[in-house]
Each structure stands twice: as C-alpha cells, then as structure tokens.
Amino acid sequence: MLVVTTNEIQGYRIVRHLGLVRGLTVRSRSVVGNLGAAIQIFFGGNISVYTKLAEHARQEAFDLLVEHAHSMGANAVVAMRYDANEIAAAVTEVLAYGSAVVVEPMAGVGAAEPRPWSGAGTGR
C-alpha cells in the first residue's frame, strides 16, 4: 500500500478514486506514565514518555487507515494527513485520513518496487 501526503504519486497514475478513508484512535495517559513524565518535566528536555505515546497513537491511526483503504480495494492513499485533539483531560484523539485510490505504474517507469514512503512493513 502506497501512502503519500501529495495529491499524486510520481511514476503512477490514478485510475480510480474510492473515497475518504480514515484511521481513528483515542488514547489516554496512565497514572504511571504521568508520574514518569512529571519526573522528566522536572529535569527538562524531551518528555520521552509522551513522545512514545504520541508515536504509538499515530502509528495505530496510520495502520487503521491502511486497513480501511485495503478493505475498500485501494492500493494507495493520497493526500494523507494527521489530526489530533484533546477530547477530555488526559484523553487524546488521533485521526489519520486521506483519499483511497487505485493506481497503476505509468508505462516505461519502474515504479513497482515499494518505496520508503509506502505502507509496506506495517503488517497490513
């Protein structure tokens, strides 16, 4: 599954638009996580407890996006974006969204190999 933030994929042409796809997760911080973060805040610098939580939430939303696109018959997602909102104290929503499409390589372009920006390796 190719996933890009652009509206087009170089070396491919979009042959069918399937519609909006999204992946949504809602996460909260644990009491233990908040305690660890409070200690890190006291000393300053990167708050790795929250960084890991944010990365995990984004990865989960991304994986759900890819799963949704795959279930619609897409082989790519264009115009992919993230959005995040705090919906309650210590509860954050992360949304990954984009347009599911079917793409095919353009003639004469060796675009069939997975790219670093593809969803390959996400287990989906």
N, C-alpha and C. Protein backbone atom coordinates (compact mmCIF):
# COMPACT_ATOMS: atom_id res chain seq x y z
N MET A 1 0.85 -1.17 0.00
CA MET A 1 0.00 0.00 0.00
C MET A 1 0.90 1.23 0.00
N LEU A 2 0.73 2.06 -1.00
CA LEU A 2 1.45 3.33 -1.05
C LEU A 2 0.63 4.38 -0.32
N VAL A 3 1.29 5.14 0.54
CA VAL A 3 0.62 6.21 1.28
C VAL A 3 1.49 7.46 1.16
N VAL A 4 0.89 8.53 0.61
CA VAL A 4 1.65 9.76 0.40
C VAL A 4 0.83 10.96 0.86
N THR A 5 1.53 12.04 1.15
CA THR A 5 0.85 13.27 1.55
C THR A 5 0.54 14.16 0.35
N THR A 6 1.06 13.81 -0.80
CA THR A 6 0.83 14.57 -2.02
C THR A 6 -0.48 14.12 -2.70
N ASN A 7 -0.91 14.86 -3.70
CA ASN A 7 -2.14 14.52 -4.42
C ASN A 7 -1.89 13.55 -5.57
N GLU A 8 -0.64 13.32 -5.89
CA GLU A 8 -0.25 12.41 -6.96
C GLU A 8 0.93 11.59 -6.49
N ILE A 9 1.18 10.48 -7.19
CA ILE A 9 2.33 9.64 -6.87
C ILE A 9 3.19 9.57 -8.12
N GLN A 10 4.40 10.07 -8.01
CA GLN A 10 5.29 10.10 -9.17
C GLN A 10 5.51 8.68 -9.70
N GLY A 11 5.35 8.52 -11.00
CA GLY A 11 5.54 7.23 -11.64
C GLY A 11 4.27 6.39 -11.71
N TYR A 12 3.19 6.89 -11.13
CA TYR A 12 1.91 6.18 -11.13
C TYR A 12 0.82 7.11 -11.64
N ARG A 13 -0.25 6.51 -12.13
CA ARG A 13 -1.42 7.31 -12.47
C ARG A 13 -2.62 6.74 -11.70
N ILE A 14 -3.45 7.64 -11.24
CA ILE A 14 -4.65 7.25 -10.51
C ILE A 14 -5.70 6.83 -11.52
N VAL A 15 -6.18 5.59 -11.39
CA VAL A 15 -7.18 5.08 -12.34
C VAL A 15 -8.58 5.04 -11.73
N ARG A 16 -8.66 5.13 -10.39
CA ARG A 16 -9.98 5.15 -9.75
C ARG A 16 -9.88 5.78 -8.36
N HIS A 17 -10.80 6.66 -8.05
CA HIS A 17 -10.92 7.25 -6.71
C HIS A 17 -12.00 6.47 -5.96
N LEU A 18 -11.68 6.02 -4.75
CA LEU A 18 -12.62 5.21 -3.98
C LEU A 18 -13.26 5.97 -2.82
N GLY A 19 -12.70 7.11 -2.47
CA GLY A 19 -13.31 7.91 -1.41
C GLY A 19 -12.41 8.11 -0.20
N LEU A 20 -12.99 8.74 0.80
CA LEU A 20 -12.29 9.07 2.03
C LEU A 20 -12.04 7.82 2.86
N VAL A 21 -10.83 7.73 3.41
CA VAL A 21 -10.51 6.66 4.36
C VAL A 21 -9.92 7.31 5.61
N ARG A 22 -10.08 6.61 6.73
CA ARG A 22 -9.56 7.18 7.96
C ARG A 22 -9.20 6.07 8.93
N GLY A 23 -8.35 6.44 9.86
CA GLY A 23 -8.00 5.59 10.99
C GLY A 23 -8.08 6.46 12.22
N LEU A 24 -8.80 6.02 13.22
CA LEU A 24 -9.02 6.83 14.41
C LEU A 24 -8.66 6.02 15.65
N THR A 25 -7.91 6.64 16.54
CA THR A 25 -7.62 6.03 17.84
C THR A 25 -7.77 7.09 18.91
N VAL A 26 -8.16 6.66 20.09
CA VAL A 26 -8.28 7.55 21.23
C VAL A 26 -7.42 6.94 22.34
N ARG A 27 -6.53 7.74 22.86
CA ARG A 27 -5.55 7.27 23.84
C ARG A 27 -5.60 8.13 25.10
N SER A 28 -5.26 7.49 26.20
CA SER A 28 -5.12 8.24 27.45
C SER A 28 -3.76 7.91 28.07
N ARG A 29 -3.31 8.79 28.91
CA ARG A 29 -2.05 8.58 29.61
C ARG A 29 -2.36 7.90 30.93
N SER A 30 -1.55 6.93 31.30
CA SER A 30 -1.75 6.24 32.57
C SER A 30 -1.19 7.06 33.72
N VAL A 31 -1.59 6.72 34.93
CA VAL A 31 -1.07 7.39 36.12
C VAL A 31 0.44 7.18 36.21
N VAL A 32 0.90 5.96 35.92
CA VAL A 32 2.34 5.67 35.95
C VAL A 32 3.06 6.49 34.88
N GLY A 33 2.46 6.57 33.70
CA GLY A 33 3.05 7.37 32.62
C GLY A 33 3.13 8.83 32.99
N ASN A 34 2.08 9.34 33.62
CA ASN A 34 2.09 10.74 34.04
C ASN A 34 3.15 10.99 35.11
N LEU A 35 3.34 10.03 36.01
CA LEU A 35 4.37 10.17 37.04
C LEU A 35 5.76 10.21 36.40
N GLY A 36 6.00 9.29 35.46
CA GLY A 36 7.28 9.28 34.75
C GLY A 36 7.51 10.57 33.99
N ALA A 37 6.45 11.08 33.35
CA ALA A 37 6.57 12.34 32.61
C ALA A 37 6.84 13.50 33.56
N ALA A 38 6.19 13.49 34.73
CA ALA A 38 6.41 14.57 35.71
C ALA A 38 7.87 14.62 36.14
N ILE A 39 8.47 13.47 36.31
CA ILE A 39 9.90 13.42 36.66
C ILE A 39 10.74 13.98 35.52
N GLN A 40 10.41 13.60 34.28
CA GLN A 40 11.16 14.12 33.13
C GLN A 40 10.95 15.63 32.97
N ILE A 41 9.75 16.11 33.24
CA ILE A 41 9.48 17.54 33.15
C ILE A 41 10.32 18.30 34.18
N PHE A 42 10.46 17.71 35.36
CA PHE A 42 11.25 18.35 36.42
C PHE A 42 12.69 18.61 35.96
N PHE A 43 13.27 17.65 35.21
CA PHE A 43 14.66 17.78 34.76
C PHE A 43 14.77 18.46 33.40
N GLY A 44 13.66 18.64 32.70
CA GLY A 44 13.66 19.32 31.41
C GLY A 44 14.05 18.40 30.26
N GLY A 45 13.94 18.92 29.06
CA GLY A 45 14.30 18.16 27.86
C GLY A 45 13.11 17.42 27.26
N ASN A 46 13.42 16.44 26.44
CA ASN A 46 12.41 15.65 25.76
C ASN A 46 11.64 14.81 26.78
N ILE A 47 10.34 14.83 26.69
CA ILE A 47 9.50 14.03 27.57
C ILE A 47 9.21 12.72 26.82
N SER A 48 10.12 11.77 26.93
CA SER A 48 10.06 10.55 26.12
C SER A 48 8.81 9.72 26.37
N VAL A 49 8.24 9.77 27.57
CA VAL A 49 7.01 9.03 27.85
C VAL A 49 5.89 9.53 26.93
N TYR A 50 5.77 10.84 26.78
CA TYR A 50 4.74 11.40 25.91
C TYR A 50 5.09 11.24 24.43
N THR A 51 6.37 11.32 24.12
CA THR A 51 6.80 11.11 22.73
C THR A 51 6.42 9.71 22.27
N LYS A 52 6.68 8.71 23.10
CA LYS A 52 6.34 7.32 22.75
C LYS A 52 4.83 7.16 22.62
N LEU A 53 4.07 7.78 23.51
CA LEU A 53 2.62 7.70 23.44
C LEU A 53 2.10 8.32 22.14
N ALA A 54 2.62 9.48 21.78
CA ALA A 54 2.20 10.16 20.55
C ALA A 54 2.56 9.33 19.32
N GLU A 55 3.76 8.77 19.31
CA GLU A 55 4.18 7.96 18.16
C GLU A 55 3.34 6.70 18.05
N HIS A 56 3.05 6.07 19.17
CA HIS A 56 2.23 4.86 19.16
C HIS A 56 0.82 5.18 18.64
N ALA A 57 0.25 6.28 19.09
CA ALA A 57 -1.10 6.67 18.65
C ALA A 57 -1.11 6.97 17.16
N ARG A 58 -0.12 7.68 16.66
CA ARG A 58 -0.06 7.98 15.22
C ARG A 58 0.11 6.70 14.40
N GLN A 59 0.96 5.78 14.88
CA GLN A 59 1.17 4.53 14.15
C GLN A 59 -0.11 3.71 14.10
N GLU A 60 -0.82 3.67 15.22
CA GLU A 60 -2.08 2.93 15.26
C GLU A 60 -3.11 3.54 14.30
N ALA A 61 -3.22 4.86 14.30
CA ALA A 61 -4.15 5.54 13.38
C ALA A 61 -3.75 5.27 11.93
N PHE A 62 -2.44 5.30 11.64
CA PHE A 62 -1.95 5.02 10.29
C PHE A 62 -2.30 3.60 9.88
N ASP A 63 -2.04 2.64 10.76
CA ASP A 63 -2.35 1.24 10.44
C ASP A 63 -3.83 1.04 10.18
N LEU A 64 -4.69 1.70 10.95
CA LEU A 64 -6.13 1.61 10.73
C LEU A 64 -6.53 2.25 9.41
N LEU A 65 -5.88 3.35 9.03
CA LEU A 65 -6.11 4.00 7.74
C LEU A 65 -5.78 3.03 6.60
N VAL A 66 -4.62 2.39 6.68
CA VAL A 66 -4.21 1.44 5.64
C VAL A 66 -5.19 0.27 5.56
N GLU A 67 -5.61 -0.22 6.72
CA GLU A 67 -6.58 -1.32 6.76
C GLU A 67 -7.90 -0.92 6.11
N HIS A 68 -8.37 0.29 6.40
CA HIS A 68 -9.61 0.79 5.81
C HIS A 68 -9.49 0.91 4.29
N ALA A 69 -8.37 1.47 3.82
CA ALA A 69 -8.15 1.62 2.38
C ALA A 69 -8.09 0.25 1.70
N HIS A 70 -7.40 -0.67 2.32
CA HIS A 70 -7.28 -2.02 1.75
C HIS A 70 -8.66 -2.68 1.64
N SER A 71 -9.50 -2.50 2.67
CA SER A 71 -10.83 -3.11 2.65
C SER A 71 -11.72 -2.52 1.55
N MET A 72 -11.41 -1.32 1.09
CA MET A 72 -12.16 -0.69 0.00
C MET A 72 -11.63 -1.09 -1.37
N GLY A 73 -10.51 -1.82 -1.40
CA GLY A 73 -9.93 -2.23 -2.67
C GLY A 73 -8.86 -1.29 -3.18
N ALA A 74 -8.40 -0.37 -2.36
CA ALA A 74 -7.37 0.58 -2.78
C ALA A 74 -5.99 -0.06 -2.71
N ASN A 75 -5.09 0.45 -3.52
CA ASN A 75 -3.69 0.06 -3.40
C ASN A 75 -2.82 1.27 -3.07
N ALA A 76 -3.48 2.42 -2.81
CA ALA A 76 -2.74 3.63 -2.42
C ALA A 76 -3.68 4.60 -1.72
N VAL A 77 -3.07 5.49 -0.95
CA VAL A 77 -3.79 6.59 -0.31
C VAL A 77 -3.03 7.86 -0.64
N VAL A 78 -3.74 8.86 -1.17
CA VAL A 78 -3.12 10.14 -1.47
C VAL A 78 -3.69 11.20 -0.51
N ALA A 79 -2.97 12.30 -0.40
CA ALA A 79 -3.37 13.44 0.44
C ALA A 79 -3.57 13.03 1.90
N MET A 80 -2.70 12.13 2.38
CA MET A 80 -2.81 11.64 3.76
C MET A 80 -2.42 12.75 4.74
N ARG A 81 -3.18 12.85 5.83
CA ARG A 81 -2.93 13.84 6.87
C ARG A 81 -3.20 13.23 8.24
N TYR A 82 -2.65 13.89 9.27
CA TYR A 82 -2.96 13.56 10.66
C TYR A 82 -3.67 14.75 11.28
N ASP A 83 -4.52 14.46 12.26
CA ASP A 83 -5.13 15.49 13.08
C ASP A 83 -5.19 14.92 14.49
N ALA A 84 -5.02 15.77 15.49
CA ALA A 84 -5.09 15.32 16.88
C ALA A 84 -5.80 16.37 17.71
N ASN A 85 -6.60 15.90 18.63
CA ASN A 85 -7.34 16.79 19.53
C ASN A 85 -7.41 16.16 20.90
N GLU A 86 -7.36 16.99 21.91
CA GLU A 86 -7.61 16.51 23.26
C GLU A 86 -9.10 16.59 23.47
N ILE A 87 -9.75 15.44 23.74
CA ILE A 87 -11.21 15.44 23.85
C ILE A 87 -11.67 15.42 25.30
N ALA A 88 -10.76 15.17 26.22
CA ALA A 88 -11.02 15.24 27.65
C ALA A 88 -9.66 15.35 28.33
N ALA A 89 -9.68 15.62 29.63
CA ALA A 89 -8.41 15.71 30.35
C ALA A 89 -7.66 14.39 30.21
N ALA A 90 -6.45 14.46 29.68
CA ALA A 90 -5.56 13.31 29.50
C ALA A 90 -6.08 12.29 28.48
N VAL A 91 -7.02 12.69 27.59
CA VAL A 91 -7.53 11.80 26.55
C VAL A 91 -7.36 12.50 25.20
N THR A 92 -6.63 11.85 24.30
CA THR A 92 -6.31 12.45 23.00
C THR A 92 -6.82 11.57 21.87
N GLU A 93 -7.41 12.22 20.90
CA GLU A 93 -7.87 11.55 19.68
C GLU A 93 -6.83 11.82 18.59
N VAL A 94 -6.45 10.78 17.86
CA VAL A 94 -5.56 10.94 16.70
C VAL A 94 -6.27 10.35 15.49
N LEU A 95 -6.36 11.16 14.45
CA LEU A 95 -7.03 10.77 13.22
C LEU A 95 -6.04 10.83 12.07
N ALA A 96 -5.95 9.76 11.31
CA ALA A 96 -5.21 9.75 10.05
C ALA A 96 -6.26 9.64 8.95
N TYR A 97 -6.16 10.48 7.91
CA TYR A 97 -7.17 10.44 6.86
C TYR A 97 -6.54 10.77 5.51
N GLY A 98 -7.22 10.36 4.47
CA GLY A 98 -6.76 10.61 3.11
C GLY A 98 -7.76 10.10 2.11
N SER A 99 -7.36 10.07 0.84
CA SER A 99 -8.23 9.59 -0.24
C SER A 99 -7.72 8.25 -0.74
N ALA A 100 -8.58 7.24 -0.69
CA ALA A 100 -8.23 5.92 -1.19
C ALA A 100 -8.33 5.92 -2.71
N VAL A 101 -7.32 5.37 -3.35
CA VAL A 101 -7.28 5.34 -4.80
C VAL A 101 -6.72 4.01 -5.29
N VAL A 102 -6.97 3.74 -6.55
CA VAL A 102 -6.31 2.63 -7.24
C VAL A 102 -5.34 3.27 -8.22
N VAL A 103 -4.08 2.86 -8.13
CA VAL A 103 -3.06 3.40 -9.03
C VAL A 103 -2.44 2.27 -9.83
N GLU A 104 -1.85 2.65 -10.96
CA GLU A 104 -1.07 1.70 -11.75
C GLU A 104 0.18 2.41 -12.24
N PRO A 105 1.27 1.65 -12.37
CA PRO A 105 2.51 2.28 -12.85
C PRO A 105 2.33 2.83 -14.25
N MET A 106 2.97 3.95 -14.51
CA MET A 106 2.97 4.51 -15.86
C MET A 106 3.89 3.65 -16.72
N ALA A 107 3.56 3.56 -17.99
CA ALA A 107 4.35 2.76 -18.92
C ALA A 107 5.79 3.25 -18.95
N GLY A 108 6.71 2.31 -18.90
CA GLY A 108 8.13 2.65 -19.02
C GLY A 108 8.77 3.17 -17.74
N VAL A 109 8.02 3.16 -16.64
CA VAL A 109 8.58 3.65 -15.38
C VAL A 109 8.64 2.47 -14.42
N GLY A 110 9.81 2.20 -13.88
CA GLY A 110 9.99 1.09 -12.95
C GLY A 110 9.51 1.46 -11.56
N ALA A 111 8.19 1.57 -11.39
CA ALA A 111 7.64 2.05 -10.12
C ALA A 111 7.01 0.94 -9.29
N ALA A 112 7.22 -0.33 -9.69
CA ALA A 112 6.55 -1.41 -8.99
C ALA A 112 7.19 -1.76 -7.65
N GLU A 113 8.41 -1.33 -7.39
CA GLU A 113 9.06 -1.65 -6.12
C GLU A 113 8.53 -0.76 -5.01
N PRO A 114 8.42 -1.32 -3.77
CA PRO A 114 7.96 -0.47 -2.65
C PRO A 114 8.92 0.67 -2.41
N ARG A 115 8.38 1.81 -2.05
CA ARG A 115 9.17 3.00 -1.76
C ARG A 115 9.27 3.17 -0.25
N PRO A 116 10.24 3.97 0.22
CA PRO A 116 10.36 4.20 1.66
C PRO A 116 9.10 4.82 2.26
N TRP A 117 8.29 5.53 1.46
CA TRP A 117 7.11 6.18 1.95
C TRP A 117 5.86 5.33 1.83
N SER A 118 6.04 4.05 1.52
CA SER A 118 4.88 3.18 1.37
C SER A 118 4.47 2.63 2.72
N GLY A 119 3.30 2.04 2.76
CA GLY A 119 2.82 1.41 3.99
C GLY A 119 3.39 0.01 4.16
N ALA A 120 4.35 -0.39 3.31
CA ALA A 120 4.95 -1.71 3.42
C ALA A 120 5.60 -1.87 4.76
N GLY A 121 5.42 -3.04 5.35
CA GLY A 121 6.04 -3.30 6.63
C GLY A 121 5.19 -2.92 7.82
N THR A 122 3.96 -2.45 7.58
CA THR A 122 3.09 -2.08 8.69
C THR A 122 2.27 -3.28 9.14
N GLY A 123 2.44 -4.41 8.46
CA GLY A 123 1.67 -5.58 8.84
C GLY A 123 0.27 -5.58 8.25
N ARG A 124 0.00 -4.69 7.35
CA ARG A 124 -1.32 -4.61 6.73
C ARG A 124 -1.21 -4.85 5.25
